[in-house]
Amino acid sequence: MPRANTTPIQIHLSPGVATNLVVAVVVFGMATTAVVLATALYGREENSERAFRVMNWLRRAPEPEKPQPSPQARSRTRPTGRGESIRAATLRP
């Protein structure tokens, strides 16, 4: 297989431009982190749950397992043969 003769490209930026670019990237990262953290702590419940999931995803931590309902809760919400819950069946006249 033929090989291409390539050389690395060197980009020459003036020190002021390079510094400004680094500052812009750092500020963007900090702002994004602040928005996600503020949403996780002070946002609506649905948005807060999503923000915590994003933080776990960014840390590359496994997603926590959902808590299993207690046996009593499962028995109360078990559907009947007609597709309605036991609670709805007991409320019906």
N, C-alpha and C. Protein backbone atom coordinates (compact mmCIF):
# COMPACT_ATOMS: atom_id res chain seq x y z
N MET A 1 0.85 -1.16 0.00
CA MET A 1 0.00 0.00 0.00
C MET A 1 0.90 1.23 0.00
N PRO A 2 0.64 2.17 -0.89
CA PRO A 2 1.50 3.36 -0.96
C PRO A 2 1.27 4.26 0.25
N ARG A 3 2.33 4.91 0.64
CA ARG A 3 2.26 5.84 1.78
C ARG A 3 2.31 7.26 1.26
N ALA A 4 1.54 8.11 1.89
CA ALA A 4 1.55 9.52 1.50
C ALA A 4 2.65 10.23 2.26
N ASN A 5 3.29 11.13 1.59
CA ASN A 5 4.30 11.94 2.24
C ASN A 5 3.62 13.17 2.83
N THR A 6 3.36 13.11 4.11
CA THR A 6 2.69 14.24 4.77
C THR A 6 3.59 14.80 5.84
N THR A 7 3.42 16.05 6.09
CA THR A 7 4.17 16.70 7.15
C THR A 7 3.16 17.36 8.08
N PRO A 8 3.48 17.46 9.35
CA PRO A 8 2.55 18.13 10.26
C PRO A 8 2.43 19.60 9.92
N ILE A 9 1.24 20.11 10.11
CA ILE A 9 0.99 21.52 9.84
C ILE A 9 1.21 22.30 11.13
N GLN A 10 1.96 23.35 11.02
CA GLN A 10 2.20 24.18 12.19
C GLN A 10 1.42 25.47 12.02
N ILE A 11 0.63 25.77 13.03
CA ILE A 11 -0.15 27.00 13.01
C ILE A 11 0.55 28.00 13.90
N HIS A 12 0.83 29.13 13.36
CA HIS A 12 1.52 30.17 14.11
C HIS A 12 0.50 31.24 14.47
N LEU A 13 0.17 31.31 15.75
CA LEU A 13 -0.73 32.34 16.24
C LEU A 13 0.07 33.31 17.10
N SER A 14 -0.32 34.54 17.03
CA SER A 14 0.36 35.51 17.89
C SER A 14 0.01 35.20 19.33
N PRO A 15 0.86 35.53 20.28
CA PRO A 15 0.60 35.19 21.68
C PRO A 15 -0.73 35.74 22.20
N GLY A 16 -1.14 36.90 21.76
CA GLY A 16 -2.40 37.47 22.21
C GLY A 16 -3.60 36.66 21.75
N VAL A 17 -3.58 36.19 20.49
CA VAL A 17 -4.69 35.40 19.96
C VAL A 17 -4.76 34.05 20.66
N ALA A 18 -3.63 33.41 20.86
CA ALA A 18 -3.60 32.11 21.52
C ALA A 18 -4.12 32.22 22.95
N THR A 19 -3.72 33.25 23.66
CA THR A 19 -4.17 33.45 25.04
C THR A 19 -5.68 33.70 25.07
N ASN A 20 -6.17 34.53 24.15
CA ASN A 20 -7.61 34.80 24.10
C ASN A 20 -8.41 33.54 23.78
N LEU A 21 -7.88 32.69 22.92
CA LEU A 21 -8.56 31.45 22.58
C LEU A 21 -8.63 30.52 23.78
N VAL A 22 -7.55 30.41 24.52
CA VAL A 22 -7.55 29.58 25.73
C VAL A 22 -8.52 30.12 26.76
N VAL A 23 -8.53 31.42 26.94
CA VAL A 23 -9.46 32.04 27.90
C VAL A 23 -10.90 31.79 27.48
N ALA A 24 -11.20 31.90 26.19
CA ALA A 24 -12.56 31.67 25.70
C ALA A 24 -13.01 30.23 25.95
N VAL A 25 -12.13 29.27 25.73
CA VAL A 25 -12.48 27.87 25.95
C VAL A 25 -12.72 27.60 27.44
N VAL A 26 -11.89 28.15 28.29
CA VAL A 26 -12.03 27.95 29.74
C VAL A 26 -13.31 28.61 30.24
N VAL A 27 -13.60 29.82 29.79
CA VAL A 27 -14.82 30.52 30.23
C VAL A 27 -16.06 29.77 29.75
N PHE A 28 -16.04 29.26 28.53
CA PHE A 28 -17.17 28.49 28.02
C PHE A 28 -17.39 27.23 28.86
N GLY A 29 -16.33 26.53 29.20
CA GLY A 29 -16.45 25.34 30.04
C GLY A 29 -16.98 25.65 31.42
N MET A 30 -16.50 26.73 32.01
CA MET A 30 -16.98 27.11 33.34
C MET A 30 -18.45 27.53 33.30
N ALA A 31 -18.85 28.26 32.26
CA ALA A 31 -20.25 28.68 32.14
C ALA A 31 -21.17 27.48 31.94
N THR A 32 -20.75 26.54 31.12
CA THR A 32 -21.55 25.33 30.90
C THR A 32 -21.68 24.55 32.20
N THR A 33 -20.60 24.42 32.95
CA THR A 33 -20.65 23.71 34.23
C THR A 33 -21.56 24.42 35.21
N ALA A 34 -21.51 25.75 35.23
CA ALA A 34 -22.37 26.51 36.14
C ALA A 34 -23.84 26.35 35.80
N VAL A 35 -24.17 26.33 34.50
CA VAL A 35 -25.56 26.16 34.10
C VAL A 35 -26.07 24.78 34.47
N VAL A 36 -25.28 23.74 34.22
CA VAL A 36 -25.71 22.38 34.56
C VAL A 36 -25.86 22.23 36.07
N LEU A 37 -24.92 22.76 36.83
CA LEU A 37 -24.98 22.66 38.28
C LEU A 37 -26.18 23.43 38.84
N ALA A 38 -26.42 24.64 38.33
CA ALA A 38 -27.58 25.42 38.79
C ALA A 38 -28.89 24.73 38.44
N THR A 39 -28.95 24.11 37.27
CA THR A 39 -30.16 23.38 36.89
C THR A 39 -30.35 22.17 37.78
N ALA A 40 -29.28 21.49 38.11
CA ALA A 40 -29.39 20.31 38.97
C ALA A 40 -29.87 20.68 40.36
N LEU A 41 -29.42 21.82 40.87
CA LEU A 41 -29.77 22.20 42.24
C LEU A 41 -31.07 22.97 42.35
N TYR A 42 -31.36 23.85 41.38
CA TYR A 42 -32.49 24.76 41.53
C TYR A 42 -33.56 24.61 40.44
N GLY A 43 -33.39 23.73 39.50
CA GLY A 43 -34.34 23.60 38.41
C GLY A 43 -35.54 22.76 38.80
N ARG A 44 -36.50 22.68 37.86
CA ARG A 44 -37.65 21.82 38.08
C ARG A 44 -37.18 20.38 38.25
N GLU A 45 -38.03 19.54 38.80
CA GLU A 45 -37.62 18.17 39.13
C GLU A 45 -37.17 17.40 37.90
N GLU A 46 -37.90 17.53 36.79
CA GLU A 46 -37.54 16.81 35.58
C GLU A 46 -36.19 17.28 35.03
N ASN A 47 -36.00 18.60 34.99
CA ASN A 47 -34.72 19.14 34.50
C ASN A 47 -33.58 18.82 35.45
N SER A 48 -33.86 18.83 36.75
CA SER A 48 -32.84 18.51 37.74
C SER A 48 -32.35 17.07 37.55
N GLU A 49 -33.30 16.16 37.34
CA GLU A 49 -32.94 14.75 37.12
C GLU A 49 -32.04 14.61 35.90
N ARG A 50 -32.39 15.32 34.83
CA ARG A 50 -31.57 15.26 33.61
C ARG A 50 -30.19 15.85 33.83
N ALA A 51 -30.11 16.93 34.59
CA ALA A 51 -28.81 17.56 34.84
C ALA A 51 -27.91 16.63 35.65
N PHE A 52 -28.47 15.95 36.65
CA PHE A 52 -27.67 14.99 37.41
C PHE A 52 -27.22 13.83 36.53
N ARG A 53 -28.06 13.40 35.60
CA ARG A 53 -27.66 12.33 34.68
C ARG A 53 -26.54 12.80 33.77
N VAL A 54 -26.57 14.07 33.33
CA VAL A 54 -25.50 14.61 32.50
C VAL A 54 -24.20 14.65 33.29
N MET A 55 -24.29 15.06 34.58
CA MET A 55 -23.06 15.11 35.39
C MET A 55 -22.46 13.72 35.56
N ASN A 56 -23.30 12.70 35.77
CA ASN A 56 -22.78 11.33 35.85
C ASN A 56 -22.18 10.90 34.53
N TRP A 57 -22.81 11.29 33.43
CA TRP A 57 -22.30 10.93 32.12
C TRP A 57 -20.95 11.58 31.87
N LEU A 58 -20.79 12.86 32.26
CA LEU A 58 -19.52 13.54 32.06
C LEU A 58 -18.41 12.96 32.93
N ARG A 59 -18.76 12.47 34.12
CA ARG A 59 -17.75 11.84 34.99
C ARG A 59 -17.46 10.40 34.55
N ARG A 60 -18.24 9.92 33.60
CA ARG A 60 -18.15 8.54 33.11
C ARG A 60 -18.42 7.54 34.22
N ALA A 61 -19.31 7.94 35.10
CA ALA A 61 -19.74 7.05 36.18
C ALA A 61 -20.97 6.29 35.70
N PRO A 62 -21.15 5.07 36.18
CA PRO A 62 -22.34 4.34 35.77
C PRO A 62 -23.59 5.02 36.31
N GLU A 63 -24.65 4.94 35.53
CA GLU A 63 -25.90 5.56 35.93
C GLU A 63 -26.49 4.79 37.11
N PRO A 64 -26.94 5.50 38.14
CA PRO A 64 -27.49 4.78 39.29
C PRO A 64 -28.76 4.04 38.91
N GLU A 65 -28.95 2.90 39.55
CA GLU A 65 -30.14 2.11 39.25
C GLU A 65 -31.36 2.74 39.89
N LYS A 66 -32.50 2.58 39.21
CA LYS A 66 -33.74 3.12 39.74
C LYS A 66 -34.15 2.29 40.94
N PRO A 67 -34.68 2.93 41.97
CA PRO A 67 -35.11 2.17 43.14
C PRO A 67 -36.29 1.28 42.79
N GLN A 68 -36.26 0.06 43.32
CA GLN A 68 -37.34 -0.88 43.09
C GLN A 68 -38.51 -0.55 43.99
N PRO A 69 -39.74 -0.59 43.48
CA PRO A 69 -40.89 -0.31 44.34
C PRO A 69 -41.05 -1.43 45.38
N SER A 70 -41.59 -1.05 46.52
CA SER A 70 -41.80 -2.03 47.58
C SER A 70 -42.86 -3.04 47.15
N PRO A 71 -42.90 -4.22 47.78
CA PRO A 71 -43.92 -5.21 47.41
C PRO A 71 -45.34 -4.68 47.59
N GLN A 72 -45.56 -3.83 48.59
CA GLN A 72 -46.89 -3.27 48.79
C GLN A 72 -47.26 -2.34 47.64
N ALA A 73 -46.32 -1.52 47.20
CA ALA A 73 -46.61 -0.61 46.10
C ALA A 73 -46.87 -1.39 44.82
N ARG A 74 -46.13 -2.47 44.60
CA ARG A 74 -46.37 -3.28 43.40
C ARG A 74 -47.74 -3.91 43.44
N SER A 75 -48.19 -4.37 44.60
CA SER A 75 -49.49 -5.03 44.67
C SER A 75 -50.62 -4.01 44.49
N ARG A 76 -50.43 -2.76 44.89
CA ARG A 76 -51.47 -1.76 44.73
C ARG A 76 -51.62 -1.32 43.29
N THR A 77 -50.54 -1.36 42.54
CA THR A 77 -50.60 -0.85 41.17
C THR A 77 -50.61 -1.97 40.13
N ARG A 78 -50.80 -3.19 40.56
CA ARG A 78 -50.83 -4.30 39.62
C ARG A 78 -52.09 -4.21 38.76
N PRO A 79 -51.97 -4.22 37.44
CA PRO A 79 -53.15 -4.09 36.61
C PRO A 79 -54.04 -5.33 36.67
N THR A 80 -55.32 -5.12 36.46
CA THR A 80 -56.26 -6.24 36.40
C THR A 80 -56.28 -6.78 34.99
N GLY A 81 -57.08 -7.77 34.76
CA GLY A 81 -57.16 -8.39 33.45
C GLY A 81 -57.67 -7.45 32.38
N ARG A 82 -58.44 -6.44 32.74
CA ARG A 82 -59.00 -5.53 31.74
C ARG A 82 -58.11 -4.34 31.46
N GLY A 83 -56.94 -4.27 32.04
CA GLY A 83 -56.01 -3.21 31.76
C GLY A 83 -56.12 -2.02 32.69
N GLU A 84 -56.87 -2.12 33.76
CA GLU A 84 -56.94 -1.02 34.71
C GLU A 84 -56.31 -1.44 36.02
N SER A 85 -55.91 -0.47 36.80
CA SER A 85 -55.26 -0.79 38.05
C SER A 85 -56.28 -1.25 39.09
N ILE A 86 -55.79 -1.93 40.12
CA ILE A 86 -56.67 -2.40 41.19
C ILE A 86 -57.31 -1.21 41.88
N ARG A 87 -56.56 -0.15 42.04
CA ARG A 87 -57.11 1.04 42.70
C ARG A 87 -58.27 1.62 41.89
N ALA A 88 -58.11 1.70 40.58
CA ALA A 88 -59.19 2.20 39.75
C ALA A 88 -60.39 1.28 39.79
N ALA A 89 -60.15 -0.03 39.90
CA ALA A 89 -61.25 -0.99 39.96
C ALA A 89 -62.00 -0.86 41.29
N THR A 90 -61.31 -0.52 42.36
CA THR A 90 -62.01 -0.39 43.65
C THR A 90 -62.75 0.93 43.74
N LEU A 91 -62.36 1.95 42.99
CA LEU A 91 -63.05 3.24 43.01
C LEU A 91 -64.29 3.23 42.16
N ARG A 92 -64.38 2.28 41.27
CA ARG A 92 -65.53 2.20 40.39
C ARG A 92 -66.75 1.73 41.19
N PRO A 93 -67.95 2.34 40.96
CA PRO A 93 -69.14 1.91 41.71
C PRO A 93 -69.64 0.55 41.32
